């Protein structure tokens, strides 16, 4: 009997040991290059999680659209084929339409306002995604978005007329280009460089980090610092993957996401000047800093009206009320 008890106890201990030794693997896919701001953020997050969990949780990062474009990645969360992703609020807005409020042109007074609004109003709106199998751990960033094109320097809204511009597949961005008299062309990021190179489209809009690290400046003659929208970047985890974690593991992942949010936001501020200088030094793109942002804000105001007509003014008012 004693022999049986001892052998049973040893089997239990061995089983527990094996359970601890086997790490939980989470695949995190995104479309940025590794040197991009949130690309670095993803790697920093993975390192934090591994350290805090003593190797129990292994976050494997797949950058540069290796697991698919942004829409594929978000859809994969609900299907359980992707564990985690970083995606723009614009893309998330195809699944949680209300959250596209953060992509309204000139909705934020400055980056500090953006941070506070996203960490409060944004996280509340993001909860709507849980019904579709995605949990928002924190909202990171991708910087402020600017216009590039191959036709002319853009200084006023009138300069946008007739330009064929790539946009994300999101009504807010399509309506924004239409309000400026440009022709919006929805397209995946993975197809963008070639489309610009071949002249399929005239231009695009993105943060400086994407323009520099994806080398769009090599195939664009003009960069105008319009700063028309701020690119928030939610870190999402599949509800299926989340439910496989213990409460202790969930807390490790959530805290690492929040800590990396603050680290990554500071990195974004630190690198913006570097990316701009990198574009200037390449010598292929004329940088125009003389933009009439007030005129752009006025011209794109119909996008706010379209959002309010569909969802009401409450979300817009809540963001504007944040101090």
Protein backbone atom coordinates (compact mmCIF):
# COMPACT_ATOMS: atom_id res chain seq x y z
CA UNK A 1 0.00 0.00 0.00
CA UNK A 2 2.81 2.40 0.99
CA UNK A 3 4.59 1.58 -2.25
CA UNK A 4 1.43 2.44 -4.22
CA UNK A 5 1.00 5.77 -2.40
CA UNK A 6 4.63 6.73 -2.98
CA UNK A 7 4.47 5.85 -6.67
CA UNK A 8 1.20 7.80 -7.05
CA UNK A 9 2.72 10.84 -5.32
CA UNK A 10 5.78 10.69 -7.57
CA UNK A 11 3.53 10.50 -10.63
CA UNK A 12 1.59 13.57 -9.47
CA UNK A 13 4.80 15.52 -8.83
CA UNK A 14 6.17 14.53 -12.21
CA UNK A 15 2.93 15.57 -13.88
CA UNK A 16 2.98 18.94 -12.10
CA UNK A 17 6.61 19.43 -13.08
CA UNK A 18 5.85 18.69 -16.72
CA UNK A 19 2.85 21.05 -16.65
CA UNK A 20 4.99 23.93 -15.38
CA UNK A 21 7.78 23.15 -17.84
CA UNK A 22 5.52 23.29 -20.88
CA UNK A 23 5.16 26.98 -21.84
CA UNK A 24 1.97 28.58 -23.07
CA UNK A 25 2.67 29.84 -26.58
CA UNK A 26 0.87 32.94 -27.85
CA UNK A 27 1.32 33.98 -31.48
CA UNK A 28 1.24 37.77 -31.90
CA UNK A 29 0.95 38.99 -35.49
CA UNK A 30 1.21 42.57 -36.79
CA UNK A 31 1.98 44.35 -40.07
CA UNK A 32 4.80 46.69 -38.96
CA UNK A 33 8.49 46.21 -39.57
CA UNK A 34 10.42 45.15 -36.42
CA UNK A 35 12.11 48.57 -36.20
CA UNK A 36 8.77 50.41 -36.28
CA UNK A 37 7.60 51.84 -32.95
CA UNK A 38 4.93 49.26 -32.20
CA UNK A 39 7.10 46.57 -33.78
CA UNK A 40 9.64 47.31 -31.06
CA UNK A 41 6.78 47.48 -28.58
CA UNK A 42 5.66 43.96 -29.49
CA UNK A 43 9.17 42.61 -28.87
CA UNK A 44 9.42 44.51 -25.57
CA UNK A 45 6.05 43.12 -24.47
CA UNK A 46 7.07 39.55 -25.35
CA UNK A 47 10.26 39.90 -23.33
CA UNK A 48 8.40 41.29 -20.31
CA UNK A 49 5.84 38.49 -20.35
CA UNK A 50 8.51 35.80 -20.59
CA UNK A 51 10.49 37.31 -17.71
CA UNK A 52 7.47 37.88 -15.46
CA UNK A 53 6.12 34.37 -16.06
CA UNK A 54 9.51 32.69 -15.55
CA UNK A 55 9.27 31.33 -19.09
CA UNK A 56 5.77 29.90 -18.68
CA UNK A 57 4.32 32.22 -21.35
CA UNK A 58 6.13 32.48 -24.65
CA UNK A 59 4.84 35.29 -26.89
CA UNK A 60 6.06 34.63 -30.42
CA UNK A 61 6.01 37.81 -32.53
CA UNK A 62 5.34 37.65 -36.28
CA UNK A 63 5.91 41.11 -37.85
CA UNK A 64 5.61 42.42 -41.42
CA UNK A 65 2.23 40.81 -42.23
CA UNK A 66 3.66 37.27 -41.87
CA UNK A 67 0.33 36.06 -40.47
CA UNK A 68 -1.79 38.18 -42.82
CA UNK A 69 -3.03 41.74 -43.22
CA UNK A 70 -4.75 43.64 -40.42
CA UNK A 71 -8.25 42.49 -41.27
CA UNK A 72 -7.09 38.86 -41.49
CA UNK A 73 -5.43 39.16 -38.10
CA UNK A 74 -8.47 40.63 -36.36
CA UNK A 75 -10.77 38.07 -37.95
CA UNK A 76 -8.34 35.38 -36.79
CA UNK A 77 -8.92 36.36 -33.17
CA UNK A 78 -12.57 35.39 -33.38
CA UNK A 79 -11.77 32.20 -35.26
CA UNK A 80 -9.00 31.24 -32.84
CA UNK A 81 -6.37 31.06 -35.60
CA UNK A 82 -4.51 34.09 -34.20
CA UNK A 83 -3.82 34.53 -30.49
CA UNK A 84 -2.88 38.22 -30.41
CA UNK A 85 -2.52 41.18 -32.71
CA UNK A 86 -1.77 44.87 -32.82
CA UNK A 87 -4.11 46.73 -35.14
CA UNK A 88 -5.35 50.24 -35.75
CA UNK A 89 -8.62 51.48 -34.32
CA UNK A 90 -9.63 52.06 -37.95
CA UNK A 91 -9.38 48.34 -38.73
CA UNK A 92 -10.89 47.38 -35.38
CA UNK A 93 -13.71 49.73 -36.35
CA UNK A 94 -14.83 47.24 -38.99
CA UNK A 95 -15.71 44.92 -36.10
CA UNK A 96 -16.54 47.49 -33.39
CA UNK A 97 -17.82 50.42 -35.52
CA UNK A 98 -18.08 52.93 -32.66
CA UNK A 99 -14.33 52.79 -31.93
CA UNK A 100 -13.61 54.46 -35.29
CA UNK A 101 -14.42 57.71 -33.46
CA UNK A 102 -10.70 57.85 -32.62
CA UNK A 103 -9.88 58.09 -36.31
CA UNK A 104 -11.96 61.21 -36.90
CA UNK A 105 -9.66 63.89 -38.33
CA UNK A 106 -8.35 66.39 -35.77
CA UNK A 107 -10.36 64.84 -32.90
CA UNK A 108 -7.48 65.30 -30.43
CA UNK A 109 -6.00 68.55 -29.15
CA UNK A 110 -2.57 66.95 -28.68
CA UNK A 111 -0.98 63.58 -27.84
CA UNK A 112 -1.60 63.98 -24.11
CA UNK A 113 -5.31 64.41 -24.83
CA UNK A 114 -5.18 61.31 -27.06
CA UNK A 115 -3.58 59.20 -24.33
CA UNK A 116 -6.12 60.20 -21.69
CA UNK A 117 -9.10 59.72 -24.00
CA UNK A 118 -7.93 56.32 -25.22
CA UNK A 119 -7.18 55.05 -21.71
CA UNK A 120 -10.70 55.96 -20.57
CA UNK A 121 -13.29 56.35 -23.34
CA UNK A 122 -11.28 54.08 -25.62
CA UNK A 123 -10.98 51.17 -23.22
CA UNK A 124 -14.70 51.41 -22.45
CA UNK A 125 -15.65 51.29 -26.14
CA UNK A 126 -13.17 48.45 -26.75
CA UNK A 127 -15.17 46.19 -24.42
CA UNK A 128 -17.75 45.93 -27.20
CA UNK A 129 -15.24 43.74 -29.03
CA UNK A 130 -15.50 40.99 -26.42
CA UNK A 131 -18.77 39.82 -27.99
CA UNK A 132 -16.75 39.13 -31.14
CA UNK A 133 -14.04 37.20 -29.35
CA UNK A 134 -11.42 39.91 -28.83
CA UNK A 135 -10.18 41.43 -25.58
CA UNK A 136 -8.33 44.77 -25.59
CA UNK A 137 -5.41 44.68 -23.14
CA UNK A 138 -4.20 48.24 -23.71
CA UNK A 139 -4.13 50.84 -26.46
CA UNK A 140 -0.66 51.59 -27.81
CA UNK A 141 0.15 54.00 -30.63
CA UNK A 142 1.57 54.29 -34.11
CA UNK A 143 2.09 58.05 -34.23
CA UNK A 144 0.45 60.90 -36.11
CA UNK A 145 -0.55 60.35 -39.73
CA UNK A 146 0.64 62.48 -42.67
CA UNK A 147 0.05 62.63 -46.44
CA UNK A 148 2.51 61.64 -49.18
CA UNK A 149 2.02 61.70 -52.95
CA UNK A 150 3.82 61.87 -56.28
CA UNK A 151 1.98 64.80 -57.85
CA UNK A 152 2.49 67.96 -55.81
CA UNK A 153 3.16 69.49 -52.41
CA UNK A 154 0.01 69.47 -50.30
CA UNK A 155 -0.42 72.67 -48.30
CA UNK A 156 -4.19 73.22 -48.40
CA UNK A 157 -7.22 70.97 -48.90
CA UNK A 158 -7.45 72.18 -52.50
CA UNK A 159 -4.10 70.49 -53.21
CA UNK A 160 -5.70 67.10 -52.47
CA UNK A 161 -8.25 67.35 -55.27
CA UNK A 162 -8.02 64.55 -57.82
CA UNK A 163 -5.28 62.61 -56.02
CA UNK A 164 -5.76 58.85 -55.98
CA UNK A 165 -4.95 57.98 -52.37
CA UNK A 166 -4.62 54.61 -50.68
CA UNK A 167 -6.62 54.34 -47.47
CA UNK A 168 -7.46 51.63 -44.99
CA UNK A 169 -10.71 49.78 -45.54
CA UNK A 170 -12.65 51.99 -43.14
CA UNK A 171 -15.51 54.44 -43.80
CA UNK A 172 -13.89 57.24 -41.77
CA UNK A 173 -10.80 57.32 -44.01
CA UNK A 174 -12.79 56.89 -47.20
CA UNK A 175 -15.10 59.78 -46.22
CA UNK A 176 -12.12 61.91 -45.17
CA UNK A 177 -10.50 61.62 -48.61
CA UNK A 178 -13.80 62.28 -50.33
CA UNK A 179 -14.31 65.42 -48.22
CA UNK A 180 -10.91 66.64 -49.48
CA UNK A 181 -11.78 65.95 -53.12
CA UNK A 182 -9.34 63.03 -53.37
CA UNK A 183 -10.16 59.57 -54.70
CA UNK A 184 -9.85 56.96 -51.91
CA UNK A 185 -8.56 53.50 -52.80
CA UNK A 186 -8.79 50.90 -50.01
CA UNK A 187 -5.75 48.61 -50.06
CA UNK A 188 -3.83 46.31 -47.73
CA UNK A 189 -0.51 47.63 -46.44
CA UNK A 190 1.35 44.66 -47.93
CA UNK A 191 0.35 45.81 -51.44
CA UNK A 192 1.08 49.50 -50.94
CA UNK A 193 4.77 49.88 -51.86
CA UNK A 194 4.32 48.17 -55.22
CA UNK A 195 1.16 50.18 -55.97
CA UNK A 196 3.03 53.43 -55.31
CA UNK A 197 6.05 52.27 -57.29
CA UNK A 198 3.95 51.35 -60.33
CA UNK A 199 1.79 54.48 -60.15
CA UNK A 200 -1.43 52.56 -59.54
CA UNK A 201 -2.14 55.22 -56.91
CA UNK A 202 -0.72 58.72 -56.41
CA UNK A 203 -0.21 58.65 -52.66
CA UNK A 204 -1.05 57.41 -49.21
CA UNK A 205 -1.24 58.53 -45.58
CA UNK A 206 0.58 56.97 -42.64
CA UNK A 207 2.67 57.81 -39.56
CA UNK A 208 6.33 58.69 -40.11
CA UNK A 209 7.37 55.33 -38.67
CA UNK A 210 5.62 53.39 -41.44
CA UNK A 211 6.72 55.86 -44.15
CA UNK A 212 10.38 55.45 -43.12
CA UNK A 213 10.57 51.75 -42.17
CA UNK A 214 8.50 50.56 -45.14
CA UNK A 215 10.48 52.96 -47.36
CA UNK A 216 7.43 54.60 -48.92
CA UNK A 217 9.54 57.75 -49.24
CA UNK A 218 11.59 55.94 -51.91
CA UNK A 219 8.56 55.99 -54.20
CA UNK A 220 6.93 59.28 -53.08
CA UNK A 221 8.10 62.75 -54.10
CA UNK A 222 6.17 64.78 -51.53
CA UNK A 223 5.53 64.42 -47.79
CA UNK A 224 3.20 66.95 -46.15
CA UNK A 225 3.01 67.05 -42.36
CA UNK A 226 -0.77 67.30 -42.22
CA UNK A 227 -1.13 65.49 -38.86
CA UNK A 228 -4.75 64.81 -39.82
CA UNK A 229 -5.33 61.80 -37.55
CA UNK A 230 -3.65 60.08 -34.63
CA UNK A 231 -2.99 56.36 -35.07
CA UNK A 232 -4.00 54.42 -31.97
CA UNK A 233 -2.90 50.77 -31.90
CA UNK A 234 -4.91 48.46 -29.62
CA UNK A 235 -3.24 45.26 -28.40
CA UNK A 236 -5.86 42.53 -28.75
CA UNK A 237 -5.95 38.95 -27.52
CA UNK A 238 -8.34 36.24 -28.64
CA UNK A 239 -10.89 35.38 -25.96
CA UNK A 240 -10.12 31.71 -26.65
CA UNK A 241 -6.42 32.25 -25.93
CA UNK A 242 -7.24 34.40 -22.89
CA UNK A 243 -9.44 31.74 -21.35
CA UNK A 244 -6.62 29.19 -21.59
CA UNK A 245 -4.51 31.32 -19.23
CA UNK A 246 -4.72 31.02 -15.45
CA UNK A 247 -5.83 34.15 -13.54
CA UNK A 248 -2.20 34.69 -12.52
CA UNK A 249 -1.04 34.43 -16.13
CA UNK A 250 -3.78 36.80 -17.27
CA UNK A 251 -2.60 39.39 -14.77
CA UNK A 252 1.00 39.07 -15.99
CA UNK A 253 -0.08 39.58 -19.61
CA UNK A 254 -2.37 42.52 -18.79
CA UNK A 255 0.21 44.35 -16.68
CA UNK A 256 2.92 43.81 -19.30
CA UNK A 257 0.57 45.27 -21.92
CA UNK A 258 -0.03 48.40 -19.83
CA UNK A 259 3.64 48.88 -18.96
CA UNK A 260 4.63 48.43 -22.60
CA UNK A 261 1.94 50.96 -23.63
CA UNK A 262 3.71 53.67 -21.63
CA UNK A 263 7.17 52.55 -22.79
CA UNK A 264 6.07 52.43 -26.43
CA UNK A 265 4.34 55.81 -26.36
CA UNK A 266 7.53 57.44 -25.09
CA UNK A 267 9.53 55.61 -27.75
CA UNK A 268 7.16 56.98 -30.40
CA UNK A 269 7.80 60.53 -29.23
CA UNK A 270 11.55 59.88 -29.16
CA UNK A 271 11.68 58.39 -32.66
CA UNK A 272 9.42 60.75 -34.61
CA UNK A 273 12.24 63.22 -35.20
CA UNK A 274 14.59 60.40 -36.16
CA UNK A 275 12.19 58.99 -38.73
CA UNK A 276 11.57 62.45 -40.21
CA UNK A 277 15.31 63.07 -40.49
CA UNK A 278 15.77 59.66 -42.07
CA UNK A 279 13.24 60.61 -44.75
CA UNK A 280 14.93 63.98 -45.34
CA UNK A 281 18.39 62.42 -45.53
CA UNK A 282 17.27 59.92 -48.16
CA UNK A 283 16.80 62.88 -50.49
CA UNK A 284 13.98 61.34 -52.51
CA UNK A 285 11.11 63.22 -50.88
CA UNK A 286 10.42 66.92 -50.45
CA UNK A 287 9.11 67.54 -46.91
CA UNK A 288 6.50 70.26 -46.58
CA UNK A 289 5.87 71.51 -43.03
CA UNK A 290 3.82 74.52 -44.14
CA UNK A 291 0.32 73.03 -43.96
CA UNK A 292 -2.90 74.91 -43.25
CA UNK A 293 -4.22 72.49 -40.63
CA UNK A 294 -7.12 74.74 -39.72
CA UNK A 295 -8.36 74.55 -43.31
CA UNK A 296 -7.94 70.77 -43.30
CA UNK A 297 -9.91 70.49 -40.07
CA UNK A 298 -12.72 72.59 -41.52
CA UNK A 299 -12.79 70.67 -44.80
CA UNK A 300 -12.98 67.28 -43.07
CA UNK A 301 -15.65 68.23 -40.54
CA UNK A 302 -18.35 66.40 -42.58
CA UNK A 303 -16.67 63.15 -41.45
CA UNK A 304 -17.63 64.04 -37.86
CA UNK A 305 -21.19 64.71 -39.01
CA UNK A 306 -21.40 61.32 -40.74
CA UNK A 307 -20.18 59.55 -37.59
CA UNK A 308 -22.62 61.46 -35.38
CA UNK A 309 -25.50 60.68 -37.74
CA UNK A 310 -24.75 56.96 -37.44
CA UNK A 311 -23.76 56.65 -33.77
CA UNK A 312 -24.79 59.91 -32.11
CA UNK A 313 -22.65 62.64 -30.52
CA UNK A 314 -22.00 60.89 -27.18
CA UNK A 315 -18.59 59.38 -28.03
CA UNK A 316 -17.34 62.57 -29.70
CA UNK A 317 -18.49 64.66 -26.74
CA UNK A 318 -16.90 62.25 -24.26
CA UNK A 319 -13.54 62.56 -26.01
CA UNK A 320 -13.72 66.34 -26.20
CA UNK A 321 -14.64 66.51 -22.50
CA UNK A 322 -11.44 64.69 -21.45
CA UNK A 323 -9.00 67.09 -19.80
